[in-house]
Each structure stands twice: as structure tokens, then as C-alpha cells.
Amino acid sequence: MIQLPIIGAFLEATGTLIEKKILKNKKISSSTYTTFSFLAIVLVMLPFIWFFWSANSQALKPGNLILFALVIISAIIGNLLTYYSLKREKISEFEPIWLMQPLFTIILAFFVYGSERRFEVLIFALIASISLIAAHIKKHHINFDKYSVSLLVGCLFFAIELVASKPILNFYSPFTFYFVRCVFISVIMFLMFRPKFKNLGGKKNNLLILLVGVMWAVYRVILYYGYLSYGIIFTTTLFILAPVFLLIIAAIFMKEKMTVRQIVSTIIILVCVAGAIYFGN
């Protein structure tokens, strides 16, 4: 079902914008938000775990446990760095560096997994990724500040996490894997930072965090389903639509104007996604 990754891309874009809105509150630190966002994901998934739980005993083998630990550590570092960078003023400032994540993921997956070496799909994926970056990069982005560096490193850790996830997904359902991952991360974050509910900025933010928790849960289950069904590179190519959706939503609701380069890039991405779908199936 090719439609699922496209829905996932839309959820990713919408969730990022809502998080941006929440993190505009200067009183909410990146560590506090990261901790409670994972707790929200666990809470929204908990009622369904009875129906969707599925795990294989091979998941407990030492090698798979080491991979799982790598996924958790990479996810914690990636999330902390990314949420810190989201304190930027505009999506247009956050966007160019965030777009490096698909490129990192595609390159890592290509070299790590022989089954991912389909050159037709790789070419479309690289063109789409580079087109995204070229459309958003400007001269002042070359001078990296602490937010840019934070996001760049965060993107690299997210790519490591995603590529490391694929082998152990064979021993879990996508739902179970994400739930267990988020439980471990939530517990570790609470022990590390001991955040307080009062620092979340009120009832409205609490509801928004729960809403984002629903979005991330559905988004990640779709992403993992794509990895198992289509492979990392093909799925990542479809999820490159997320930044396109993000720009469109930002233009409509946040009045941020799209440049000519961004419009051209959007057309190139749509062509590349169509090409990847044609050659990838």
C-alpha cells in the first residue's frame, strides 16, 4: 500500500509544525519536551498493545539486544538535539539542515545492506534529497550556529537509528517495536532529567503533546511497515514528501512564502517519487 508512506509523510510534517508551536514557549526546555513527548507516545499506544503485541524470542539474542540499545541511544541523542534546534524562529531556518536526514539515511542504508542496492531507486532518492537541500540552502546557512550544528548531528543520529532498526524489525511487529523503544527511552529520560509536569506550559500544551504522540505513533508504525515491505531507501524516498507538506502547511497557516527554487524542487521531488514508485515495485 504505497498510500501509507505518503500519509506518514503528511503526519511527520504536521507533527513537526505542532512541536514547533509548543517549543516557542521559552520556558519549555528540549529535555523536558523530549521526555514528556515519549511518555505521551507510550500512553496513547498502551490501550492497543494487547491487540497488536507481537515479538519473537530471537529478539532477545545478544546481537539483537545490542542493536536495540544502539537504536535507543541514537534516538535519545537525535531527539534532544533536534528539539533544541526547533527553538529557531522560522521553519525556513530549520528546514535546510533537517533535510539532510533522508540523505544520511539513504547513503547509510545503501552501504550497510546489500538488499538495498537498487540503483534506479537510489538515483531517484539522491536526486530528490539533493534537490530539497539545494532549494533551501542559502549563503547564511554556511555559517553554522549552535542550532544548525545541533540539528545536523541530530539528523545523523536519526539516520543511524533508522538504519540500525531494520534487522531487528524482523522479530517484532512495527507497533511492538516502537512501543518498546519508546518505553525504554521514556524511562531513561525520566531518570536523566526528572522533569516536572508544571514546566510544560499548561493544559493546552499537554493536549497538543498527546496529539503529537498519536501522530508520531502512527507515523513510525507506517515507517517501519515500509522498511519491512519496501526497504529503507524506497520508503525514505516517499517520506521525502514530508518536507514538501511542511512547506505547504507553513505557507498556508504560518504565512511563510515559498521561493521559486522551492517550487521547482517540489516538482522535481514529485517526479522522483513517481519514478521510485515505478521502478521500485
C-alpha atoms as a PDB file:
ATOM      1  CA  MET A   1       0.000   0.000   0.000  1.00  0.00           C
ATOM      2  CA  ILE A   2       2.021   2.920  -1.353  1.00  0.00           C
ATOM      3  CA  GLN A   3      -0.525   5.358   0.116  1.00  0.00           C
ATOM      4  CA  LEU A   4       0.578   4.591   3.688  1.00  0.00           C
ATOM      5  CA  PRO A   5       4.073   6.160   3.446  1.00  0.00           C
ATOM      6  CA  ILE A   6       2.516   9.250   1.846  1.00  0.00           C
ATOM      7  CA  ILE A   7       0.075   9.512   4.777  1.00  0.00           C
ATOM      8  CA  GLY A   8       3.052   9.017   7.095  1.00  0.00           C
ATOM      9  CA  ALA A   9       4.913  11.874   5.395  1.00  0.00           C
ATOM     10  CA  PHE A  10       1.943  14.171   5.967  1.00  0.00           C
ATOM     11  CA  LEU A  11       1.797  13.176   9.655  1.00  0.00           C
ATOM     12  CA  GLU A  12       5.527  13.864  10.011  1.00  0.00           C
ATOM     13  CA  ALA A  13       5.129  17.369   8.575  1.00  0.00           C
ATOM     14  CA  THR A  14       2.082  18.184  10.708  1.00  0.00           C
ATOM     15  CA  GLY A  15       3.662  16.823  13.883  1.00  0.00           C
ATOM     16  CA  THR A  16       6.819  18.876  13.322  1.00  0.00           C
ATOM     17  CA  LEU A  17       4.803  22.088  12.955  1.00  0.00           C
ATOM     18  CA  ILE A  18       2.835  21.424  16.143  1.00  0.00           C
ATOM     19  CA  GLU A  19       6.071  20.719  18.013  1.00  0.00           C
ATOM     20  CA  LYS A  20       7.465  23.964  16.670  1.00  0.00           C
ATOM     21  CA  LYS A  21       4.443  25.774  18.122  1.00  0.00           C
ATOM     22  CA  ILE A  22       4.886  24.103  21.527  1.00  0.00           C
ATOM     23  CA  LEU A  23       8.628  24.794  21.680  1.00  0.00           C
ATOM     24  CA  LYS A  24       8.130  28.505  21.006  1.00  0.00           C
ATOM     25  CA  ASN A  25       7.421  28.655  24.736  1.00  0.00           C
ATOM     26  CA  LYS A  26      10.839  29.639  26.097  1.00  0.00           C
ATOM     27  CA  LYS A  27      10.054  28.005  29.457  1.00  0.00           C
ATOM     28  CA  ILE A  28       9.904  24.516  27.920  1.00  0.00           C
ATOM     29  CA  SER A  29      13.384  23.024  27.631  1.00  0.00           C
ATOM     30  CA  SER A  30      14.255  20.492  24.941  1.00  0.00           C
ATOM     31  CA  SER A  31      14.917  17.816  27.584  1.00  0.00           C
ATOM     32  CA  THR A  32      11.535  18.379  29.272  1.00  0.00           C
ATOM     33  CA  TYR A  33       9.666  18.270  25.988  1.00  0.00           C
ATOM     34  CA  THR A  34      11.564  15.196  24.738  1.00  0.00           C
ATOM     35  CA  THR A  35      10.833  13.266  27.944  1.00  0.00           C
ATOM     36  CA  PHE A  36       7.115  14.041  28.032  1.00  0.00           C
ATOM     37  CA  SER A  37       6.688  13.542  24.287  1.00  0.00           C
ATOM     38  CA  PHE A  38       7.880   9.948  24.671  1.00  0.00           C
ATOM     39  CA  LEU A  39       5.611   9.467  27.673  1.00  0.00           C
ATOM     40  CA  ALA A  40       2.712  10.720  25.530  1.00  0.00           C
ATOM     41  CA  ILE A  41       3.532   8.182  22.818  1.00  0.00           C
ATOM     42  CA  VAL A  42       3.602   5.362  25.380  1.00  0.00           C
ATOM     43  CA  LEU A  43       0.257   6.469  26.855  1.00  0.00           C
ATOM     44  CA  VAL A  44      -1.557   6.657  23.510  1.00  0.00           C
ATOM     45  CA  MET A  45      -0.194   3.256  22.428  1.00  0.00           C
ATOM     46  CA  LEU A  46      -0.800   1.462  25.733  1.00  0.00           C
ATOM     47  CA  PRO A  47      -4.551   0.772  25.236  1.00  0.00           C
ATOM     48  CA  PHE A  48      -3.802  -1.014  21.941  1.00  0.00           C
ATOM     49  CA  ILE A  49      -0.798  -3.093  22.964  1.00  0.00           C
ATOM     50  CA  TRP A  50      -2.960  -6.109  23.868  1.00  0.00           C
ATOM     51  CA  PHE A  51      -4.251  -6.266  20.278  1.00  0.00           C
ATOM     52  CA  PHE A  52      -1.015  -5.551  18.398  1.00  0.00           C
ATOM     53  CA  TRP A  53       1.698  -7.123  20.556  1.00  0.00           C
ATOM     54  CA  SER A  54       3.922  -9.480  18.588  1.00  0.00           C
ATOM     55  CA  ALA A  55       7.543 -10.377  19.351  1.00  0.00           C
ATOM     56  CA  ASN A  56       9.859 -13.273  18.514  1.00  0.00           C
ATOM     57  CA  SER A  57      12.192 -14.921  21.041  1.00  0.00           C
ATOM     58  CA  GLN A  58      15.135 -14.166  18.720  1.00  0.00           C
ATOM     59  CA  ALA A  59      14.765 -10.527  19.694  1.00  0.00           C
ATOM     60  CA  LEU A  60      16.473 -11.440  22.984  1.00  0.00           C
ATOM     61  CA  LYS A  61      19.674 -12.707  21.351  1.00  0.00           C
ATOM     62  CA  PRO A  62      22.763 -10.670  22.425  1.00  0.00           C
ATOM     63  CA  GLY A  63      23.402  -9.242  18.957  1.00  0.00           C
ATOM     64  CA  ASN A  64      19.817  -8.038  18.601  1.00  0.00           C
ATOM     65  CA  LEU A  65      19.828  -6.558  22.114  1.00  0.00           C
ATOM     66  CA  ILE A  66      22.997  -4.616  21.253  1.00  0.00           C
ATOM     67  CA  LEU A  67      21.316  -3.269  18.099  1.00  0.00           C
ATOM     68  CA  PHE A  68      18.260  -2.316  20.139  1.00  0.00           C
ATOM     69  CA  ALA A  69      20.491  -0.458  22.611  1.00  0.00           C
ATOM     70  CA  LEU A  70      22.079   1.410  19.668  1.00  0.00           C
ATOM     71  CA  VAL A  71      18.610   2.367  18.422  1.00  0.00           C
ATOM     72  CA  ILE A  72      17.610   3.719  21.848  1.00  0.00           C
ATOM     73  CA  ILE A  73      20.820   5.677  22.433  1.00  0.00           C
ATOM     74  CA  SER A  74      20.773   7.159  18.922  1.00  0.00           C
ATOM     75  CA  ALA A  75      17.085   8.097  19.282  1.00  0.00           C
ATOM     76  CA  ILE A  76      17.665   9.886  22.605  1.00  0.00           C
ATOM     77  CA  ILE A  77      20.590  11.906  21.234  1.00  0.00           C
ATOM     78  CA  GLY A  78      18.798  12.658  17.951  1.00  0.00           C
ATOM     79  CA  ASN A  79      15.601  13.832  19.654  1.00  0.00           C
ATOM     80  CA  LEU A  80      17.367  16.028  22.220  1.00  0.00           C
ATOM     81  CA  LEU A  81      19.441  17.746  19.539  1.00  0.00           C
ATOM     82  CA  THR A  82      16.507  18.178  17.151  1.00  0.00           C
ATOM     83  CA  TYR A  83      14.127  19.632  19.744  1.00  0.00           C
ATOM     84  CA  TYR A  84      16.856  22.006  20.862  1.00  0.00           C
ATOM     85  CA  SER A  85      17.231  23.225  17.269  1.00  0.00           C
ATOM     86  CA  LEU A  86      13.444  23.652  16.909  1.00  0.00           C
ATOM     87  CA  LYS A  87      13.747  26.717  19.139  1.00  0.00           C
ATOM     88  CA  ARG A  88      14.704  28.575  15.950  1.00  0.00           C
ATOM     89  CA  GLU A  89      12.414  31.375  14.893  1.00  0.00           C
ATOM     90  CA  LYS A  90      11.283  30.043  11.493  1.00  0.00           C
ATOM     91  CA  ILE A  91      10.662  26.732   9.792  1.00  0.00           C
ATOM     92  CA  SER A  92      12.638  28.101   6.827  1.00  0.00           C
ATOM     93  CA  GLU A  93      15.741  28.237   9.076  1.00  0.00           C
ATOM     94  CA  PHE A  94      15.192  24.736  10.473  1.00  0.00           C
ATOM     95  CA  GLU A  95      14.331  23.151   7.146  1.00  0.00           C
ATOM     96  CA  PRO A  96      17.631  23.120   5.168  1.00  0.00           C
ATOM     97  CA  ILE A  97      19.542  21.143   7.800  1.00  0.00           C
ATOM     98  CA  TRP A  98      16.622  18.855   8.662  1.00  0.00           C
ATOM     99  CA  LEU A  99      16.576  17.813   5.020  1.00  0.00           C
ATOM    100  CA  MET A 100      19.964  16.167   5.459  1.00  0.00           C
ATOM    101  CA  GLN A 101      18.366  13.300   7.406  1.00  0.00           C
ATOM    102  CA  PRO A 102      16.868  11.477   4.376  1.00  0.00           C
ATOM    103  CA  LEU A 103      20.184  11.821   2.543  1.00  0.00           C
ATOM    104  CA  PHE A 104      22.140  10.405   5.502  1.00  0.00           C
ATOM    105  CA  THR A 105      19.642   7.545   5.842  1.00  0.00           C
ATOM    106  CA  ILE A 106      19.742   6.661   2.141  1.00  0.00           C
ATOM    107  CA  ILE A 107      23.557   6.655   1.957  1.00  0.00           C
ATOM    108  CA  LEU A 108      23.941   4.603   5.150  1.00  0.00           C
ATOM    109  CA  ALA A 109      21.315   2.053   4.070  1.00  0.00           C
ATOM    110  CA  PHE A 110      22.920   1.678   0.637  1.00  0.00           C
ATOM    111  CA  PHE A 111      26.323   0.808   2.091  1.00  0.00           C
ATOM    112  CA  VAL A 112      25.093  -1.291   5.032  1.00  0.00           C
ATOM    113  CA  TYR A 113      22.510  -3.505   3.297  1.00  0.00           C
ATOM    114  CA  GLY A 114      23.160  -5.305   0.023  1.00  0.00           C
ATOM    115  CA  SER A 115      19.413  -5.796  -0.498  1.00  0.00           C
ATOM    116  CA  GLU A 116      19.018  -2.009  -0.655  1.00  0.00           C
ATOM    117  CA  ARG A 117      21.322  -1.622  -3.661  1.00  0.00           C
ATOM    118  CA  ARG A 118      18.742  -0.946  -6.352  1.00  0.00           C
ATOM    119  CA  PHE A 119      20.448   1.745  -8.386  1.00  0.00           C
ATOM    120  CA  GLU A 120      17.309   3.064 -10.124  1.00  0.00           C
ATOM    121  CA  VAL A 121      15.619   3.810  -6.788  1.00  0.00           C
ATOM    122  CA  LEU A 122      18.884   5.117  -5.312  1.00  0.00           C
ATOM    123  CA  ILE A 123      19.294   7.647  -8.144  1.00  0.00           C
ATOM    124  CA  PHE A 124      15.751   8.992  -7.701  1.00  0.00           C
ATOM    125  CA  ALA A 125      16.249   9.123  -3.922  1.00  0.00           C
ATOM    126  CA  LEU A 126      19.528  11.049  -4.187  1.00  0.00           C
ATOM    127  CA  ILE A 127      18.150  13.499  -6.755  1.00  0.00           C
ATOM    128  CA  ALA A 128      15.103  14.182  -4.571  1.00  0.00           C
ATOM    129  CA  SER A 129      17.253  14.627  -1.425  1.00  0.00           C
ATOM    130  CA  ILE A 130      19.797  16.908  -3.093  1.00  0.00           C
ATOM    131  CA  SER A 131      17.006  18.893  -4.745  1.00  0.00           C
ATOM    132  CA  LEU A 132      15.453  19.526  -1.339  1.00  0.00           C
ATOM    133  CA  ILE A 133      18.714  20.740   0.143  1.00  0.00           C
ATOM    134  CA  ALA A 134      19.574  22.915  -2.882  1.00  0.00           C
ATOM    135  CA  ALA A 135      16.149  24.549  -2.786  1.00  0.00           C
ATOM    136  CA  HIS A 136      16.523  25.662   0.807  1.00  0.00           C
ATOM    137  CA  ILE A 137      20.202  26.354   1.337  1.00  0.00           C
ATOM    138  CA  LYS A 138      21.318  29.991   1.374  1.00  0.00           C
ATOM    139  CA  LYS A 139      24.623  31.758   1.918  1.00  0.00           C
ATOM    140  CA  HIS A 140      23.952  32.428   5.597  1.00  0.00           C
ATOM    141  CA  HIS A 141      23.327  28.699   6.207  1.00  0.00           C
ATOM    142  CA  ILE A 142      27.013  28.052   5.510  1.00  0.00           C
ATOM    143  CA  ASN A 143      27.795  29.843   8.781  1.00  0.00           C
ATOM    144  CA  PHE A 144      26.552  27.215  11.225  1.00  0.00           C
ATOM    145  CA  ASP A 145      25.377  28.414  14.629  1.00  0.00           C
ATOM    146  CA  LYS A 146      24.747  26.186  17.640  1.00  0.00           C
ATOM    147  CA  TYR A 147      21.213  25.353  16.447  1.00  0.00           C
ATOM    148  CA  SER A 148      22.397  24.319  12.981  1.00  0.00           C
ATOM    149  CA  VAL A 149      25.194  22.130  14.323  1.00  0.00           C
ATOM    150  CA  SER A 150      22.785  20.574  16.824  1.00  0.00           C
ATOM    151  CA  LEU A 151      20.295  19.692  14.108  1.00  0.00           C
ATOM    152  CA  LEU A 152      22.951  18.381  11.705  1.00  0.00           C
ATOM    153  CA  VAL A 153      24.333  15.990  14.327  1.00  0.00           C
ATOM    154  CA  GLY A 154      20.758  15.080  15.354  1.00  0.00           C
ATOM    155  CA  CYS A 155      19.948  14.134  11.747  1.00  0.00           C
ATOM    156  CA  LEU A 156      22.990  11.862  11.628  1.00  0.00           C
ATOM    157  CA  PHE A 157      21.927  10.063  14.825  1.00  0.00           C
ATOM    158  CA  PHE A 158      18.377   9.658  13.489  1.00  0.00           C
ATOM    159  CA  ALA A 159      19.816   8.090  10.332  1.00  0.00           C
ATOM    160  CA  ILE A 160      21.902   5.687  12.426  1.00  0.00           C
ATOM    161  CA  GLU A 161      18.833   4.788  14.480  1.00  0.00           C
ATOM    162  CA  LEU A 162      16.676   4.102  11.430  1.00  0.00           C
ATOM    163  CA  VAL A 163      19.280   2.001   9.637  1.00  0.00           C
ATOM    164  CA  ALA A 164      20.014   0.017  12.814  1.00  0.00           C
ATOM    165  CA  SER A 165      16.277  -0.658  13.294  1.00  0.00           C
ATOM    166  CA  LYS A 166      15.757  -2.689  10.136  1.00  0.00           C
ATOM    167  CA  PRO A 167      17.381  -6.028  11.151  1.00  0.00           C
ATOM    168  CA  ILE A 168      15.539  -6.268  14.480  1.00  0.00           C
ATOM    169  CA  LEU A 169      12.196  -5.307  12.979  1.00  0.00           C
ATOM    170  CA  ASN A 170      12.075  -8.892  11.719  1.00  0.00           C
ATOM    171  CA  PHE A 171      11.486 -10.015  15.322  1.00  0.00           C
ATOM    172  CA  TYR A 172       8.768  -7.524  16.287  1.00  0.00           C
ATOM    173  CA  SER A 173       5.612  -6.126  14.781  1.00  0.00           C
ATOM    174  CA  PRO A 174       6.162  -2.423  13.895  1.00  0.00           C
ATOM    175  CA  PHE A 175       3.733  -1.460  16.677  1.00  0.00           C
ATOM    176  CA  THR A 176       5.507  -3.563  19.320  1.00  0.00           C
ATOM    177  CA  PHE A 177       8.959  -2.366  18.295  1.00  0.00           C
ATOM    178  CA  TYR A 178       8.012   1.296  18.539  1.00  0.00           C
ATOM    179  CA  PHE A 179       6.184   0.811  21.834  1.00  0.00           C
ATOM    180  CA  VAL A 180       9.120  -0.993  23.486  1.00  0.00           C
ATOM    181  CA  ARG A 181      11.568   1.561  22.066  1.00  0.00           C
ATOM    182  CA  CYS A 182       9.550   4.471  23.488  1.00  0.00           C
ATOM    183  CA  VAL A 183       9.086   2.800  26.899  1.00  0.00           C
ATOM    184  CA  PHE A 184      12.847   2.400  27.313  1.00  0.00           C
ATOM    185  CA  ILE A 185      13.570   5.939  26.089  1.00  0.00           C
ATOM    186  CA  SER A 186      10.876   7.423  28.333  1.00  0.00           C
ATOM    187  CA  VAL A 187      12.227   5.664  31.450  1.00  0.00           C
ATOM    188  CA  ILE A 188      15.839   6.629  30.679  1.00  0.00           C
ATOM    189  CA  MET A 189      14.873  10.254  30.027  1.00  0.00           C
ATOM    190  CA  PHE A 190      12.929  10.492  33.284  1.00  0.00           C
ATOM    191  CA  LEU A 191      15.858   9.110  35.231  1.00  0.00           C
ATOM    192  CA  MET A 192      18.253  11.518  33.479  1.00  0.00           C
ATOM    193  CA  PHE A 193      16.262  14.765  33.690  1.00  0.00           C
ATOM    194  CA  ARG A 194      13.460  14.242  36.254  1.00  0.00           C
ATOM    195  CA  PRO A 195      11.199  16.826  34.546  1.00  0.00           C
ATOM    196  CA  LYS A 196       8.051  18.254  36.140  1.00  0.00           C
ATOM    197  CA  PHE A 197       4.592  18.480  34.559  1.00  0.00           C
ATOM    198  CA  LYS A 198       4.253  22.112  35.591  1.00  0.00           C
ATOM    199  CA  ASN A 199       7.080  23.012  33.187  1.00  0.00           C
ATOM    200  CA  LEU A 200       5.022  22.005  30.125  1.00  0.00           C
ATOM    201  CA  GLY A 201       3.182  25.320  29.945  1.00  0.00           C
ATOM    202  CA  GLY A 202      -0.397  24.382  30.780  1.00  0.00           C
ATOM    203  CA  LYS A 203      -3.333  22.227  29.729  1.00  0.00           C
ATOM    204  CA  LYS A 204      -3.308  23.346  26.093  1.00  0.00           C
ATOM    205  CA  ASN A 205       0.284  22.195  25.609  1.00  0.00           C
ATOM    206  CA  ASN A 206      -0.475  18.908  27.361  1.00  0.00           C
ATOM    207  CA  LEU A 207      -3.262  18.196  24.865  1.00  0.00           C
ATOM    208  CA  LEU A 208      -1.042  19.194  21.935  1.00  0.00           C
ATOM    209  CA  ILE A 209       1.709  16.852  23.159  1.00  0.00           C
ATOM    210  CA  LEU A 210      -0.807  13.982  23.348  1.00  0.00           C
ATOM    211  CA  LEU A 211      -1.978  14.829  19.815  1.00  0.00           C
ATOM    212  CA  VAL A 212       1.601  14.774  18.549  1.00  0.00           C
ATOM    213  CA  GLY A 213       2.071  11.469  20.393  1.00  0.00           C
ATOM    214  CA  VAL A 214      -0.754   9.965  18.324  1.00  0.00           C
ATOM    215  CA  MET A 215       0.792  11.338  15.127  1.00  0.00           C
ATOM    216  CA  TRP A 216       4.277  10.008  15.894  1.00  0.00           C
ATOM    217  CA  ALA A 217       2.920   6.590  16.843  1.00  0.00           C
ATOM    218  CA  VAL A 218       1.027   6.225  13.556  1.00  0.00           C
ATOM    219  CA  TYR A 219       3.902   7.767  11.586  1.00  0.00           C
ATOM    220  CA  ARG A 220       6.541   5.389  12.969  1.00  0.00           C
ATOM    221  CA  VAL A 221       4.381   2.271  12.585  1.00  0.00           C
ATOM    222  CA  ILE A 222       3.881   3.233   8.931  1.00  0.00           C
ATOM    223  CA  LEU A 223       7.618   3.932   8.537  1.00  0.00           C
ATOM    224  CA  TYR A 224       8.615   0.543   9.964  1.00  0.00           C
ATOM    225  CA  TYR A 225       5.976  -1.191   7.854  1.00  0.00           C
ATOM    226  CA  GLY A 226       7.556   0.480   4.826  1.00  0.00           C
ATOM    227  CA  TYR A 227      11.041  -0.694   5.833  1.00  0.00           C
ATOM    228  CA  LEU A 228       9.825  -4.292   6.077  1.00  0.00           C
ATOM    229  CA  SER A 229       7.736  -4.200   2.899  1.00  0.00           C
ATOM    230  CA  TYR A 230       9.698  -1.924   0.545  1.00  0.00           C
ATOM    231  CA  GLY A 231      13.150  -1.332   2.075  1.00  0.00           C
ATOM    232  CA  ILE A 232      14.725   1.732   3.668  1.00  0.00           C
ATOM    233  CA  ILE A 233      15.730   3.634   0.525  1.00  0.00           C
ATOM    234  CA  PHE A 234      12.379   3.298  -1.233  1.00  0.00           C
ATOM    235  CA  THR A 235      10.415   4.198   1.908  1.00  0.00           C
ATOM    236  CA  THR A 236      12.697   7.146   2.680  1.00  0.00           C
ATOM    237  CA  THR A 237      12.170   8.446  -0.857  1.00  0.00           C
ATOM    238  CA  LEU A 238       8.407   8.505  -0.284  1.00  0.00           C
ATOM    239  CA  PHE A 239       8.874  10.192   3.087  1.00  0.00           C
ATOM    240  CA  ILE A 240      10.825  12.978   1.361  1.00  0.00           C
ATOM    241  CA  LEU A 241       7.329  14.288   0.683  1.00  0.00           C
ATOM    242  CA  ALA A 242       7.180  15.295   4.374  1.00  0.00           C
ATOM    243  CA  PRO A 243       9.285  18.476   3.902  1.00  0.00           C
ATOM    244  CA  VAL A 244       7.127  19.339   0.884  1.00  0.00           C
ATOM    245  CA  PHE A 245       3.986  19.028   3.014  1.00  0.00           C
ATOM    246  CA  LEU A 246       5.726  21.022   5.753  1.00  0.00           C
ATOM    247  CA  LEU A 247       6.439  23.905   3.382  1.00  0.00           C
ATOM    248  CA  ILE A 248       2.885  23.930   2.039  1.00  0.00           C
ATOM    249  CA  ILE A 249       1.353  23.884   5.531  1.00  0.00           C
ATOM    250  CA  ALA A 250       3.779  26.598   6.702  1.00  0.00           C
ATOM    251  CA  ALA A 251       2.852  28.733   3.679  1.00  0.00           C
ATOM    252  CA  ILE A 252      -0.889  28.353   4.314  1.00  0.00           C
ATOM    253  CA  PHE A 253      -1.059  28.630   8.103  1.00  0.00           C
ATOM    254  CA  MET A 254       2.156  30.450   9.051  1.00  0.00           C
ATOM    255  CA  LYS A 255       2.298  32.779   6.025  1.00  0.00           C
ATOM    256  CA  GLU A 256       5.841  31.750   5.096  1.00  0.00           C
ATOM    257  CA  LYS A 257       6.358  32.307   1.363  1.00  0.00           C
ATOM    258  CA  MET A 258       7.724  29.589  -0.928  1.00  0.00           C
ATOM    259  CA  THR A 259      10.571  30.659  -3.195  1.00  0.00           C
ATOM    260  CA  VAL A 260      10.863  29.827  -6.880  1.00  0.00           C
ATOM    261  CA  ARG A 261      13.619  27.335  -6.034  1.00  0.00           C
ATOM    262  CA  GLN A 262      11.351  25.600  -3.534  1.00  0.00           C
ATOM    263  CA  ILE A 263       8.544  25.342  -6.095  1.00  0.00           C
ATOM    264  CA  VAL A 264      10.947  23.871  -8.687  1.00  0.00           C
ATOM    265  CA  SER A 265      12.304  21.493  -6.043  1.00  0.00           C
ATOM    266  CA  THR A 266       8.785  20.349  -5.196  1.00  0.00           C
ATOM    267  CA  ILE A 267       8.153  19.454  -8.841  1.00  0.00           C
ATOM    268  CA  ILE A 268      11.468  17.541  -9.031  1.00  0.00           C
ATOM    269  CA  ILE A 269      10.613  15.649  -5.832  1.00  0.00           C
ATOM    270  CA  LEU A 270       7.190  14.644  -7.131  1.00  0.00           C
ATOM    271  CA  VAL A 271       8.797  13.351 -10.349  1.00  0.00           C
ATOM    272  CA  CYS A 272      11.436  11.431  -8.352  1.00  0.00           C
ATOM    273  CA  VAL A 273       8.826   9.893  -6.043  1.00  0.00           C
ATOM    274  CA  ALA A 274       6.794   8.814  -9.069  1.00  0.00           C
ATOM    275  CA  GLY A 275       9.953   7.351 -10.639  1.00  0.00           C
ATOM    276  CA  ALA A 276      10.858   5.496  -7.439  1.00  0.00           C
ATOM    277  CA  ILE A 277       7.361   4.043  -7.224  1.00  0.00           C
ATOM    278  CA  TYR A 278       7.531   2.924 -10.884  1.00  0.00           C
ATOM    279  CA  PHE A 279      10.954   1.269 -10.646  1.00  0.00           C
ATOM    280  CA  GLY A 280      10.683   0.179  -7.001  1.00  0.00           C
ATOM    281  CA  ASN A 281       7.636  -2.058  -7.418  1.00  0.00           C
END
